[in-house]
Protein backbone atom coordinates (compact mmCIF):
# COMPACT_ATOMS: atom_id res chain seq x y z
CA MET A 1 0.00 0.00 0.00
CA PRO A 2 2.75 2.58 0.75
CA LEU A 3 3.89 2.68 -2.88
CA LEU A 4 0.32 3.09 -4.13
CA LEU A 5 -0.03 6.06 -1.78
CA LEU A 6 2.63 7.88 -3.81
CA ALA A 7 0.19 8.00 -6.74
CA ASP A 8 -3.03 8.34 -4.76
CA GLU A 9 -2.71 9.70 -1.25
CA GLN A 10 -6.22 8.81 -0.03
CA GLN A 11 -6.61 5.15 0.94
CA SER A 12 -10.37 5.11 0.42
CA MET A 13 -9.83 6.03 -3.25
CA ILE A 14 -7.30 3.20 -3.64
CA TYR A 15 -9.75 0.70 -2.18
CA ARG A 16 -12.33 1.77 -4.78
CA TYR A 17 -10.25 0.30 -7.61
CA LEU A 18 -7.90 -2.17 -5.94
CA ASP A 19 -10.37 -5.06 -5.79
CA SER A 20 -11.55 -4.55 -9.37
CA GLY A 21 -8.11 -4.38 -10.94
CA THR A 22 -4.96 -6.39 -11.46
CA MET A 23 -1.79 -5.29 -9.68
CA TYR A 24 1.57 -5.51 -11.43
CA VAL A 25 4.77 -5.21 -9.40
CA MET A 26 8.21 -4.48 -10.83
CA THR A 27 11.20 -5.59 -8.78
CA ASN A 28 14.91 -5.18 -9.26
CA GLU A 29 17.55 -7.92 -9.20
CA LYS A 30 17.70 -7.70 -5.37
CA GLY A 31 13.95 -8.28 -5.08
CA ASP A 32 13.18 -4.71 -4.01
CA THR A 33 9.86 -3.33 -5.23
CA VAL A 34 10.65 -0.60 -7.75
CA ALA A 35 7.20 0.17 -9.17
CA GLN A 36 3.55 -0.88 -8.97
CA CYS A 37 0.62 -0.49 -11.30
CA VAL A 38 -3.08 -1.35 -10.99
CA VAL A 39 -5.01 -1.89 -14.23
CA ALA A 40 -8.77 -2.32 -14.55
CA HIS A 41 -10.22 -4.20 -17.50
CA ASP A 42 -13.80 -5.36 -17.84
CA HIS A 43 -13.75 -8.52 -19.89
CA GLY A 44 -15.57 -7.88 -23.13
CA SER A 45 -14.38 -4.28 -23.16
CA LYS A 46 -11.69 -3.23 -25.62
CA THR A 47 -10.30 -0.62 -23.19
CA ALA A 48 -8.03 -1.15 -20.18
CA GLU A 49 -7.41 1.63 -17.68
CA ILE A 50 -4.33 2.32 -15.59
CA LYS A 51 -5.88 3.21 -12.25
CA SER A 52 -2.60 3.80 -10.43
CA ILE A 53 1.08 3.69 -11.25
CA SER A 54 3.89 4.63 -8.92
CA VAL A 55 7.64 4.30 -8.78
CA ALA A 56 9.52 4.23 -5.46
CA SER A 57 11.12 7.62 -4.88
CA GLU A 58 14.68 6.27 -4.95
CA TYR A 59 14.06 4.80 -8.44
CA GLN A 60 12.19 7.70 -10.03
CA ARG A 61 13.42 9.36 -13.24
CA ARG A 62 15.33 6.24 -14.32
CA GLY A 63 12.87 4.87 -16.88
CA TYR A 64 11.13 2.32 -14.66
CA GLY A 65 7.72 3.93 -15.06
CA LYS A 66 8.02 3.88 -18.84
CA LYS A 67 9.15 0.26 -18.77
CA LEU A 68 6.16 -0.68 -16.64
CA VAL A 69 3.77 1.15 -18.98
CA GLY A 70 5.38 -0.69 -21.91
CA TYR A 71 4.87 -4.00 -20.16
CA ILE A 72 1.21 -3.15 -19.47
CA GLU A 73 0.74 -2.25 -23.13
CA ASN A 74 2.10 -5.64 -24.19
CA VAL A 75 -0.13 -7.51 -21.73
CA TYR A 76 -3.33 -5.75 -22.80
CA ARG A 77 -2.57 -5.52 -26.52
CA ARG A 78 -3.87 -9.09 -26.85
CA SER A 79 -7.37 -8.23 -25.63
CA CYS A 80 -7.72 -4.44 -25.94
CA ASP A 81 -7.27 -1.76 -28.53
CA THR A 82 -7.01 1.20 -26.13
CA LEU A 83 -5.18 1.91 -22.89
CA LYS A 84 -6.38 4.93 -20.92
CA VAL A 85 -5.38 6.71 -17.75
CA GLY A 86 -6.83 9.54 -15.70
CA THR A 87 -4.52 11.84 -13.76
CA GLY A 88 -4.33 15.25 -12.20
CA ASP A 89 -3.38 18.14 -14.47
CA SER A 90 0.09 18.20 -12.95
CA PRO A 91 3.53 19.17 -14.25
CA LEU A 92 4.75 15.78 -12.98
CA THR A 93 2.26 13.40 -14.55
CA VAL A 94 1.12 15.04 -17.79
CA PRO A 95 4.61 15.12 -19.39
CA PHE A 96 5.18 11.51 -18.31
CA TYR A 97 2.08 10.21 -20.09
CA LEU A 98 2.75 12.34 -23.16
CA SER A 99 6.29 10.91 -23.32
CA CYS A 100 4.78 7.40 -23.21
CA GLY A 101 2.74 8.17 -26.34
CA PHE A 102 -0.62 8.94 -24.74
CA VAL A 103 -2.80 11.75 -26.11
CA ARG A 104 -5.31 13.91 -24.24
CA ALA A 105 -8.79 12.44 -24.48
CA GLY A 106 -10.96 14.41 -22.06
CA VAL A 107 -11.41 16.09 -18.71
CA VAL A 108 -13.56 15.32 -15.67
CA LYS A 109 -14.15 18.72 -14.10
CA ASN A 110 -13.65 19.03 -10.33
CA PHE A 111 -12.85 15.33 -9.90
CA PHE A 112 -10.30 15.89 -7.14
CA THR A 113 -12.27 18.56 -5.30
CA ASP A 114 -15.47 16.48 -5.43
CA ASN A 115 -14.00 13.06 -4.55
CA TYR A 116 -11.21 13.68 -2.05
CA ASP A 117 -11.66 14.71 1.56
CA HIS A 118 -8.79 17.19 1.38
CA PRO A 119 -7.06 19.33 -1.26
CA ILE A 120 -4.41 17.50 -3.32
CA TYR A 121 -1.29 19.41 -4.36
CA GLU A 122 1.51 18.45 -6.75
CA CYS A 123 4.42 20.80 -7.35
CA GLY A 124 2.53 23.53 -5.52
CA VAL A 125 -0.50 23.24 -7.84
CA GLN A 126 -3.88 22.19 -6.43
CA LEU A 127 -5.36 19.38 -8.49
CA LYS A 128 -8.99 20.01 -9.41
CA ASP A 129 -9.76 18.33 -12.73
CA MET A 130 -8.87 14.83 -13.87
CA VAL A 131 -7.31 14.73 -17.33
CA TYR A 132 -7.82 11.56 -19.35
CA PHE A 133 -5.23 10.26 -21.76
CA GLU A 134 -5.53 7.40 -24.24
CA LYS A 135 -3.15 5.33 -26.29
CA LYS A 136 -4.04 3.00 -29.14
CA LEU A 137 -2.48 -0.41 -28.69
């Protein structure tokens, strides 16, 4: 759970998707957990959604997040034609998803202010809207 809290700091929100998704864990050669990702996919649907992805702070900015996204793409390419992700409109996450080949696909206004019990800040910016990105597989 601690690593998931890097991507989503409210446990109740994590519990909303944890049981309905599949968790992927990336470890290094020493067996340390480097990154985690939870993906939701309703069988019969052609879209999978990354619900959470996080990289341990000591491993960030080394390409592990991109590698994990690439792995997820390969897993879901067999059964889906689209991978999507919703994130805060943050200077940390938006460039990451764009660099992974995702394109903006929509906005859910006031998602963070309506669904979290406290304000969420990243890089000094309060997150209000959820931005959706999609990538064709």
